[in-house]
C-alpha cells in the first residue's frame, strides 16, 4: 500500500547506519544477541569445565549478562554500547587453550541455535578473534609472572 512502510526495530547505536547495514546483511538484532548471551552463559554455568571457573568469579549474574549483551552488541552490530577492557579482566584467569576451545565450542553451538546462518557465521568470526586475543593475553601474563628475579644472597 502507498504510504505504508515496514516497521524496523529502533536501533540503539552510536553508528545506526552501520548497525542497520550489519543487521540487514546478517539477520542479527539486539533481541537475538540477548538470547544468544543468555543461552550461552546458561550452558557455561552448567559446563563441568567452564562452570567452576565462572562460579568462582561471578556471584551476581544479572550485571555480567547485561555487560555481555552490551559487549556482543558492540562487537557484532557495532553499536558502541560496551565500554570496558576485557583483556585485563581475563589476563589472570587460570585457563589454557583447552578452556578457550571449550568456550568456542559452546559459543558456536549456541550461535547456530539462536541466529540465522549468516548471523552465526558473523559472530563466530568475532568470537574466534576474541578467544585468540584473550588466550594470548593469558599466556603473556603467565610468562611475565614466571620471570622472577632470583634472590642471589
N, C-alpha and C. Protein backbone atom coordinates (compact mmCIF):
# COMPACT_ATOMS: atom_id res chain seq x y z
N UNK A 1 0.83 -1.18 0.00
CA UNK A 1 0.00 0.00 0.00
C UNK A 1 0.88 1.24 0.00
N UNK A 2 0.40 2.27 -0.62
CA UNK A 2 1.11 3.54 -0.66
C UNK A 2 1.10 4.15 0.74
N UNK A 3 2.25 4.65 1.14
CA UNK A 3 2.35 5.29 2.46
C UNK A 3 2.63 4.31 3.58
N UNK A 4 2.55 3.00 3.33
CA UNK A 4 2.84 2.01 4.37
C UNK A 4 4.30 1.62 4.27
N UNK A 5 5.00 1.75 5.36
CA UNK A 5 6.40 1.34 5.41
C UNK A 5 6.51 0.19 6.39
N UNK A 6 7.40 -0.73 6.09
CA UNK A 6 7.61 -1.82 7.05
C UNK A 6 8.31 -1.23 8.26
N UNK A 7 7.84 -1.65 9.41
CA UNK A 7 8.44 -1.13 10.63
C UNK A 7 9.72 -1.90 10.92
N UNK A 8 10.79 -1.13 11.12
CA UNK A 8 12.05 -1.74 11.51
C UNK A 8 12.29 -1.39 12.97
N UNK A 9 12.89 -2.31 13.71
CA UNK A 9 13.14 -2.01 15.12
C UNK A 9 14.08 -0.83 15.26
N UNK A 10 13.82 -0.02 16.28
CA UNK A 10 14.67 1.11 16.57
C UNK A 10 16.05 0.59 16.97
N UNK A 11 17.08 1.23 16.48
CA UNK A 11 18.44 0.80 16.76
C UNK A 11 19.06 1.75 17.78
N UNK A 12 19.53 1.18 18.87
CA UNK A 12 20.26 1.97 19.85
C UNK A 12 21.74 1.79 19.53
N UNK A 13 22.27 2.74 18.75
CA UNK A 13 23.63 2.60 18.27
C UNK A 13 24.28 3.96 18.10
N UNK A 14 25.58 3.99 18.36
CA UNK A 14 26.36 5.20 18.09
C UNK A 14 26.53 5.38 16.58
N UNK A 15 26.38 4.31 15.84
CA UNK A 15 26.53 4.33 14.37
C UNK A 15 25.33 3.61 13.75
N UNK A 16 24.13 4.23 13.81
CA UNK A 16 22.92 3.50 13.38
C UNK A 16 22.93 3.03 11.94
N UNK A 17 23.54 3.78 11.03
CA UNK A 17 23.56 3.34 9.63
C UNK A 17 24.41 2.08 9.47
N UNK A 18 25.55 2.06 10.14
CA UNK A 18 26.43 0.89 10.08
C UNK A 18 25.74 -0.31 10.73
N UNK A 19 25.13 -0.07 11.87
CA UNK A 19 24.43 -1.14 12.58
C UNK A 19 23.30 -1.69 11.72
N UNK A 20 22.52 -0.83 11.10
CA UNK A 20 21.41 -1.27 10.24
C UNK A 20 21.94 -2.13 9.08
N UNK A 21 23.04 -1.71 8.47
CA UNK A 21 23.61 -2.47 7.35
C UNK A 21 24.05 -3.87 7.81
N UNK A 22 24.66 -3.97 8.98
CA UNK A 22 25.08 -5.27 9.51
C UNK A 22 23.86 -6.13 9.81
N UNK A 23 22.85 -5.52 10.41
CA UNK A 23 21.62 -6.26 10.72
C UNK A 23 20.97 -6.80 9.44
N UNK A 24 20.93 -5.97 8.44
CA UNK A 24 20.32 -6.39 7.16
C UNK A 24 21.12 -7.52 6.52
N UNK A 25 22.44 -7.45 6.62
CA UNK A 25 23.30 -8.45 5.98
C UNK A 25 23.30 -9.79 6.74
N UNK A 26 23.25 -9.72 8.08
CA UNK A 26 23.41 -10.92 8.89
C UNK A 26 22.12 -11.49 9.46
N UNK A 27 21.08 -10.68 9.51
CA UNK A 27 19.84 -11.12 10.15
C UNK A 27 19.87 -11.00 11.66
N UNK A 28 20.95 -10.47 12.21
CA UNK A 28 21.07 -10.29 13.65
C UNK A 28 20.31 -9.06 14.11
N UNK A 29 19.88 -9.09 15.38
CA UNK A 29 19.33 -7.90 16.02
C UNK A 29 19.62 -7.99 17.51
N UNK A 30 19.27 -6.95 18.22
CA UNK A 30 19.58 -6.88 19.66
C UNK A 30 18.90 -8.02 20.43
N UNK A 31 17.67 -8.33 20.09
CA UNK A 31 16.96 -9.41 20.79
C UNK A 31 17.63 -10.76 20.59
N UNK A 32 18.10 -11.00 19.39
CA UNK A 32 18.78 -12.25 19.09
C UNK A 32 20.09 -12.36 19.88
N UNK A 33 20.82 -11.25 19.96
CA UNK A 33 22.07 -11.26 20.73
C UNK A 33 21.80 -11.45 22.22
N UNK A 34 20.72 -10.87 22.70
CA UNK A 34 20.34 -11.06 24.10
C UNK A 34 20.05 -12.54 24.36
N UNK A 35 19.30 -13.16 23.46
CA UNK A 35 19.00 -14.59 23.58
C UNK A 35 20.28 -15.42 23.51
N UNK A 36 21.16 -15.08 22.58
CA UNK A 36 22.43 -15.78 22.44
C UNK A 36 23.23 -15.73 23.75
N UNK A 37 23.36 -14.54 24.31
CA UNK A 37 24.14 -14.38 25.55
C UNK A 37 23.52 -15.18 26.69
N UNK A 38 22.22 -15.08 26.87
CA UNK A 38 21.57 -15.80 27.97
C UNK A 38 21.69 -17.32 27.81
N UNK A 39 21.44 -17.82 26.61
CA UNK A 39 21.55 -19.27 26.38
C UNK A 39 23.00 -19.75 26.54
N UNK A 40 23.93 -18.97 25.98
CA UNK A 40 25.34 -19.35 26.06
C UNK A 40 25.81 -19.43 27.51
N UNK A 41 25.54 -18.39 28.28
CA UNK A 41 26.00 -18.42 29.67
C UNK A 41 25.24 -19.43 30.52
N UNK A 42 24.04 -19.79 30.12
CA UNK A 42 23.37 -20.91 30.78
C UNK A 42 24.15 -22.20 30.58
N UNK A 43 24.64 -22.40 29.36
CA UNK A 43 25.46 -23.58 29.06
C UNK A 43 26.80 -23.53 29.79
N UNK A 44 27.41 -22.35 29.83
CA UNK A 44 28.69 -22.18 30.52
C UNK A 44 28.54 -22.53 31.99
N UNK A 45 27.49 -22.02 32.60
CA UNK A 45 27.29 -22.26 34.03
C UNK A 45 27.09 -23.74 34.33
N UNK A 46 26.48 -24.47 33.41
CA UNK A 46 26.23 -25.91 33.60
C UNK A 46 27.41 -26.78 33.17
N UNK A 47 28.39 -26.19 32.51
CA UNK A 47 29.50 -26.95 31.96
C UNK A 47 30.48 -27.37 33.06
N UNK A 48 30.90 -28.62 33.02
CA UNK A 48 31.81 -29.14 34.06
C UNK A 48 33.20 -28.53 33.99
N UNK A 49 33.62 -28.06 32.83
CA UNK A 49 34.94 -27.47 32.67
C UNK A 49 34.91 -25.96 32.98
N UNK A 50 34.00 -25.25 32.34
CA UNK A 50 33.97 -23.79 32.47
C UNK A 50 33.16 -23.31 33.67
N UNK A 51 32.14 -24.04 34.04
CA UNK A 51 31.25 -23.61 35.12
C UNK A 51 31.97 -23.23 36.41
N UNK A 52 32.87 -24.08 36.91
CA UNK A 52 33.56 -23.73 38.16
C UNK A 52 34.42 -22.47 38.06
N UNK A 53 35.01 -22.23 36.92
CA UNK A 53 35.84 -21.03 36.74
C UNK A 53 34.97 -19.79 36.84
N UNK A 54 33.83 -19.80 36.17
CA UNK A 54 32.92 -18.66 36.23
C UNK A 54 32.31 -18.53 37.61
N UNK A 55 31.90 -19.65 38.21
CA UNK A 55 31.24 -19.61 39.52
C UNK A 55 32.14 -19.03 40.60
N UNK A 56 33.44 -19.23 40.47
CA UNK A 56 34.36 -18.70 41.48
C UNK A 56 34.59 -17.20 41.34
N UNK A 57 34.11 -16.62 40.24
CA UNK A 57 34.36 -15.20 39.99
C UNK A 57 33.09 -14.36 39.85
N UNK A 58 31.98 -14.98 39.52
CA UNK A 58 30.74 -14.24 39.30
C UNK A 58 29.69 -14.75 40.26
N UNK A 59 29.23 -13.87 41.13
CA UNK A 59 28.17 -14.25 42.07
C UNK A 59 26.83 -13.63 41.66
N UNK A 60 26.86 -12.46 41.05
CA UNK A 60 25.65 -11.79 40.60
C UNK A 60 25.64 -11.79 39.08
N UNK A 61 24.88 -12.68 38.49
CA UNK A 61 24.92 -12.89 37.05
C UNK A 61 24.23 -11.80 36.25
N UNK A 62 23.23 -11.14 36.79
CA UNK A 62 22.50 -10.15 36.01
C UNK A 62 23.39 -9.03 35.48
N UNK A 63 24.24 -8.40 36.31
CA UNK A 63 25.12 -7.36 35.76
C UNK A 63 26.11 -7.92 34.73
N UNK A 64 26.58 -9.14 34.95
CA UNK A 64 27.51 -9.74 34.00
C UNK A 64 26.81 -9.97 32.66
N UNK A 65 25.61 -10.50 32.70
CA UNK A 65 24.87 -10.74 31.46
C UNK A 65 24.58 -9.43 30.73
N UNK A 66 24.21 -8.40 31.46
CA UNK A 66 23.96 -7.09 30.84
C UNK A 66 25.22 -6.57 30.16
N UNK A 67 26.38 -6.74 30.83
CA UNK A 67 27.66 -6.32 30.24
C UNK A 67 27.97 -7.13 28.98
N UNK A 68 27.69 -8.43 29.02
CA UNK A 68 27.97 -9.28 27.86
C UNK A 68 27.03 -8.96 26.69
N UNK A 69 25.80 -8.61 26.98
CA UNK A 69 24.88 -8.21 25.91
C UNK A 69 25.40 -6.93 25.26
N UNK A 70 25.82 -5.96 26.07
CA UNK A 70 26.39 -4.72 25.52
C UNK A 70 27.66 -5.02 24.73
N UNK A 71 28.50 -5.93 25.25
CA UNK A 71 29.73 -6.30 24.56
C UNK A 71 29.42 -6.90 23.19
N UNK A 72 28.54 -7.90 23.14
CA UNK A 72 28.25 -8.56 21.87
C UNK A 72 27.49 -7.64 20.91
N UNK A 73 26.70 -6.73 21.44
CA UNK A 73 26.05 -5.74 20.59
C UNK A 73 27.10 -4.86 19.93
N UNK A 74 28.10 -4.47 20.70
CA UNK A 74 29.18 -3.65 20.16
C UNK A 74 30.04 -4.41 19.16
N UNK A 75 30.37 -5.64 19.50
CA UNK A 75 31.23 -6.46 18.65
C UNK A 75 30.52 -6.88 17.36
N UNK A 76 29.28 -7.34 17.49
CA UNK A 76 28.58 -7.89 16.33
C UNK A 76 27.84 -6.84 15.51
N UNK A 77 27.29 -5.83 16.18
CA UNK A 77 26.47 -4.85 15.47
C UNK A 77 27.09 -3.45 15.43
N UNK A 78 28.28 -3.31 16.01
CA UNK A 78 28.99 -2.02 16.01
C UNK A 78 28.16 -0.90 16.65
N UNK A 79 27.46 -1.21 17.74
CA UNK A 79 26.58 -0.22 18.37
C UNK A 79 27.31 0.74 19.30
N UNK A 80 28.48 0.35 19.78
CA UNK A 80 29.19 1.19 20.73
C UNK A 80 28.60 1.15 22.13
N UNK A 81 27.83 0.13 22.46
CA UNK A 81 27.18 0.05 23.77
C UNK A 81 28.14 -0.38 24.89
N UNK A 82 29.19 -1.09 24.55
CA UNK A 82 30.12 -1.61 25.56
C UNK A 82 31.25 -0.64 25.78
N UNK A 83 31.53 -0.39 27.05
CA UNK A 83 32.67 0.44 27.42
C UNK A 83 33.41 -0.31 28.52
N UNK A 84 34.45 -0.99 28.15
CA UNK A 84 35.18 -1.77 29.12
C UNK A 84 36.50 -2.24 28.54
N UNK A 85 37.22 -3.00 29.34
CA UNK A 85 38.53 -3.52 28.94
C UNK A 85 38.56 -5.02 29.24
N UNK A 86 38.17 -5.85 28.29
CA UNK A 86 38.09 -7.29 28.57
C UNK A 86 39.44 -7.97 28.78
N UNK A 87 40.50 -7.49 28.14
CA UNK A 87 41.78 -8.19 28.27
C UNK A 87 42.30 -8.17 29.71
N UNK A 88 42.39 -7.03 30.38
CA UNK A 88 42.86 -7.08 31.78
C UNK A 88 41.96 -7.91 32.69
N UNK A 89 40.68 -7.94 32.40
CA UNK A 89 39.75 -8.72 33.22
C UNK A 89 39.97 -10.22 33.08
N UNK A 90 40.57 -10.65 31.98
CA UNK A 90 40.76 -12.07 31.72
C UNK A 90 42.21 -12.53 31.82
N UNK A 91 43.14 -11.62 31.82
CA UNK A 91 44.57 -11.96 31.71
C UNK A 91 45.09 -12.84 32.85
N UNK A 92 44.48 -12.77 34.02
CA UNK A 92 44.98 -13.54 35.16
C UNK A 92 44.18 -14.81 35.43
N UNK A 93 43.30 -15.16 34.52
CA UNK A 93 42.49 -16.35 34.74
C UNK A 93 43.33 -17.63 34.64
N UNK A 94 43.00 -18.63 35.45
CA UNK A 94 43.72 -19.91 35.39
C UNK A 94 43.15 -20.80 34.28
N UNK A 95 43.38 -20.39 33.04
CA UNK A 95 42.83 -21.12 31.90
C UNK A 95 43.91 -21.41 30.87
N UNK A 96 43.63 -22.42 30.05
CA UNK A 96 44.56 -22.82 29.00
C UNK A 96 43.82 -22.81 27.66
N UNK A 97 44.51 -23.21 26.63
CA UNK A 97 43.92 -23.26 25.30
C UNK A 97 42.67 -24.15 25.29
N UNK A 98 42.72 -25.24 26.04
CA UNK A 98 41.56 -26.15 26.05
C UNK A 98 40.32 -25.46 26.61
N UNK A 99 40.49 -24.54 27.56
CA UNK A 99 39.34 -23.79 28.07
C UNK A 99 38.76 -22.88 27.00
N UNK A 100 39.62 -22.22 26.24
CA UNK A 100 39.15 -21.36 25.16
C UNK A 100 38.48 -22.19 24.06
N UNK A 101 39.02 -23.37 23.80
CA UNK A 101 38.40 -24.26 22.80
C UNK A 101 37.00 -24.67 23.26
N UNK A 102 36.86 -24.98 24.53
CA UNK A 102 35.55 -25.36 25.08
C UNK A 102 34.58 -24.18 24.99
N UNK A 103 35.07 -22.99 25.35
CA UNK A 103 34.26 -21.76 25.28
C UNK A 103 33.77 -21.56 23.85
N UNK A 104 34.68 -21.70 22.89
CA UNK A 104 34.30 -21.53 21.48
C UNK A 104 33.30 -22.60 21.03
N UNK A 105 33.48 -23.80 21.48
CA UNK A 105 32.56 -24.88 21.10
C UNK A 105 31.15 -24.58 21.59
N UNK A 106 31.02 -24.17 22.84
CA UNK A 106 29.70 -23.84 23.38
C UNK A 106 29.12 -22.60 22.69
N UNK A 107 29.97 -21.63 22.41
CA UNK A 107 29.50 -20.41 21.75
C UNK A 107 29.01 -20.73 20.34
N UNK A 108 29.78 -21.52 19.61
CA UNK A 108 29.41 -21.91 18.24
C UNK A 108 28.07 -22.64 18.24
N UNK A 109 27.95 -23.62 19.12
CA UNK A 109 26.71 -24.39 19.23
C UNK A 109 25.52 -23.45 19.48
N UNK A 110 25.68 -22.52 20.39
CA UNK A 110 24.60 -21.60 20.75
C UNK A 110 24.33 -20.60 19.63
N UNK A 111 25.37 -20.12 18.98
CA UNK A 111 25.19 -19.17 17.88
C UNK A 111 24.36 -19.79 16.77
N UNK A 112 24.66 -21.03 16.42
CA UNK A 112 23.92 -21.67 15.33
C UNK A 112 22.52 -22.11 15.75
N UNK A 113 22.28 -22.21 17.05
CA UNK A 113 20.92 -22.49 17.54
C UNK A 113 20.05 -21.23 17.55
N UNK A 114 20.65 -20.08 17.77
CA UNK A 114 19.86 -18.86 18.01
C UNK A 114 19.89 -17.85 16.87
N UNK A 115 20.81 -17.98 15.96
CA UNK A 115 20.99 -16.97 14.91
C UNK A 115 20.79 -17.60 13.53
N UNK A 116 20.42 -16.79 12.55
CA UNK A 116 20.40 -17.31 11.18
C UNK A 116 21.83 -17.64 10.76
N UNK A 117 22.03 -18.48 9.76
CA UNK A 117 23.39 -18.90 9.38
C UNK A 117 24.37 -17.73 9.16
N UNK A 118 23.94 -16.69 8.46
CA UNK A 118 24.86 -15.56 8.22
C UNK A 118 25.20 -14.85 9.53
N UNK A 119 24.23 -14.74 10.43
CA UNK A 119 24.48 -14.11 11.72
C UNK A 119 25.39 -14.94 12.60
N UNK A 120 25.17 -16.26 12.60
CA UNK A 120 26.03 -17.15 13.38
C UNK A 120 27.47 -17.09 12.87
N UNK A 121 27.64 -17.10 11.57
CA UNK A 121 28.99 -17.00 11.00
C UNK A 121 29.63 -15.67 11.37
N UNK A 122 28.85 -14.62 11.35
CA UNK A 122 29.34 -13.27 11.69
C UNK A 122 29.84 -13.22 13.14
N UNK A 123 29.06 -13.73 14.08
CA UNK A 123 29.50 -13.69 15.48
C UNK A 123 30.63 -14.66 15.74
N UNK A 124 30.67 -15.78 15.01
CA UNK A 124 31.75 -16.75 15.22
C UNK A 124 33.10 -16.21 14.78
N UNK A 125 33.14 -15.46 13.70
CA UNK A 125 34.41 -14.85 13.29
C UNK A 125 34.93 -13.97 14.42
N UNK A 126 34.05 -13.20 15.02
CA UNK A 126 34.45 -12.31 16.11
C UNK A 126 34.80 -13.09 17.37
N UNK A 127 34.04 -14.14 17.68
CA UNK A 127 34.31 -14.95 18.85
C UNK A 127 35.68 -15.62 18.76
N UNK A 128 36.03 -16.11 17.57
CA UNK A 128 37.33 -16.74 17.39
C UNK A 128 38.47 -15.74 17.58
N UNK A 129 38.30 -14.53 17.07
CA UNK A 129 39.32 -13.49 17.26
C UNK A 129 39.45 -13.13 18.74
N UNK A 130 38.33 -13.01 19.42
CA UNK A 130 38.34 -12.65 20.84
C UNK A 130 39.01 -13.75 21.65
N UNK A 131 38.65 -15.00 21.40
CA UNK A 131 39.26 -16.11 22.13
C UNK A 131 40.77 -16.14 21.90
N UNK A 132 41.19 -15.91 20.67
CA UNK A 132 42.62 -15.90 20.36
C UNK A 132 43.32 -14.76 21.12
N UNK A 133 42.76 -13.58 21.11
CA UNK A 133 43.36 -12.43 21.80
C UNK A 133 43.44 -12.66 23.30
N UNK A 134 42.35 -13.17 23.88
CA UNK A 134 42.35 -13.41 25.32
C UNK A 134 43.33 -14.52 25.69
N UNK A 135 43.42 -15.55 24.86
CA UNK A 135 44.37 -16.63 25.13
C UNK A 135 45.81 -16.10 25.10
N UNK A 136 46.10 -15.26 24.12
CA UNK A 136 47.44 -14.66 24.04
C UNK A 136 47.72 -13.81 25.28
N UNK A 137 46.75 -13.07 25.75
CA UNK A 137 46.93 -12.24 26.95
C UNK A 137 47.17 -13.10 28.19
N UNK A 138 46.42 -14.19 28.32
CA UNK A 138 46.60 -15.10 29.45
C UNK A 138 48.01 -15.70 29.42
N UNK A 139 48.44 -16.14 28.25
CA UNK A 139 49.78 -16.72 28.13
C UNK A 139 50.87 -15.69 28.42
N UNK A 140 50.72 -14.49 27.91
CA UNK A 140 51.71 -13.44 28.15
C UNK A 140 51.79 -13.10 29.64
N UNK A 141 50.66 -13.04 30.29
CA UNK A 141 50.64 -12.75 31.73
C UNK A 141 51.31 -13.87 32.51
N UNK A 142 51.03 -15.11 32.14
CA UNK A 142 51.65 -16.25 32.83
C UNK A 142 53.16 -16.23 32.63
N UNK A 143 53.62 -15.92 31.41
CA UNK A 143 55.07 -15.84 31.16
C UNK A 143 55.69 -14.72 31.97
N UNK A 144 55.06 -13.58 32.01
CA UNK A 144 55.60 -12.43 32.75
C UNK A 144 55.67 -12.74 34.25
N UNK A 145 54.68 -13.44 34.76
CA UNK A 145 54.66 -13.78 36.19
C UNK A 145 55.69 -14.84 36.54
N UNK A 146 56.11 -15.64 35.56
CA UNK A 146 57.09 -16.69 35.85
C UNK A 146 58.52 -16.17 35.78
N UNK A 147 58.69 -14.97 35.27
CA UNK A 147 60.03 -14.39 35.15
C UNK A 147 60.35 -13.55 36.37
N UNK A 148 60.65 -14.24 37.46
CA UNK A 148 61.01 -13.53 38.67
C UNK A 148 62.53 -13.51 38.81
N UNK A 149 63.01 -12.48 39.38
CA UNK A 149 64.44 -12.34 39.58
C UNK A 149 64.83 -13.15 40.82
N UNK A 150 65.78 -14.06 40.66
CA UNK A 150 66.16 -14.88 41.82
C UNK A 150 66.91 -14.05 42.86
N UNK A 151 66.74 -14.42 44.10
CA UNK A 151 67.46 -13.78 45.19
C UNK A 151 68.82 -14.46 45.28
N UNK A 152 69.91 -13.71 45.02
CA UNK A 152 71.26 -14.29 44.97
C UNK A 152 72.01 -14.15 46.30
N UNK A 153 71.39 -13.77 47.34
CA UNK A 153 72.07 -13.64 48.63
C UNK A 153 72.15 -14.92 49.36
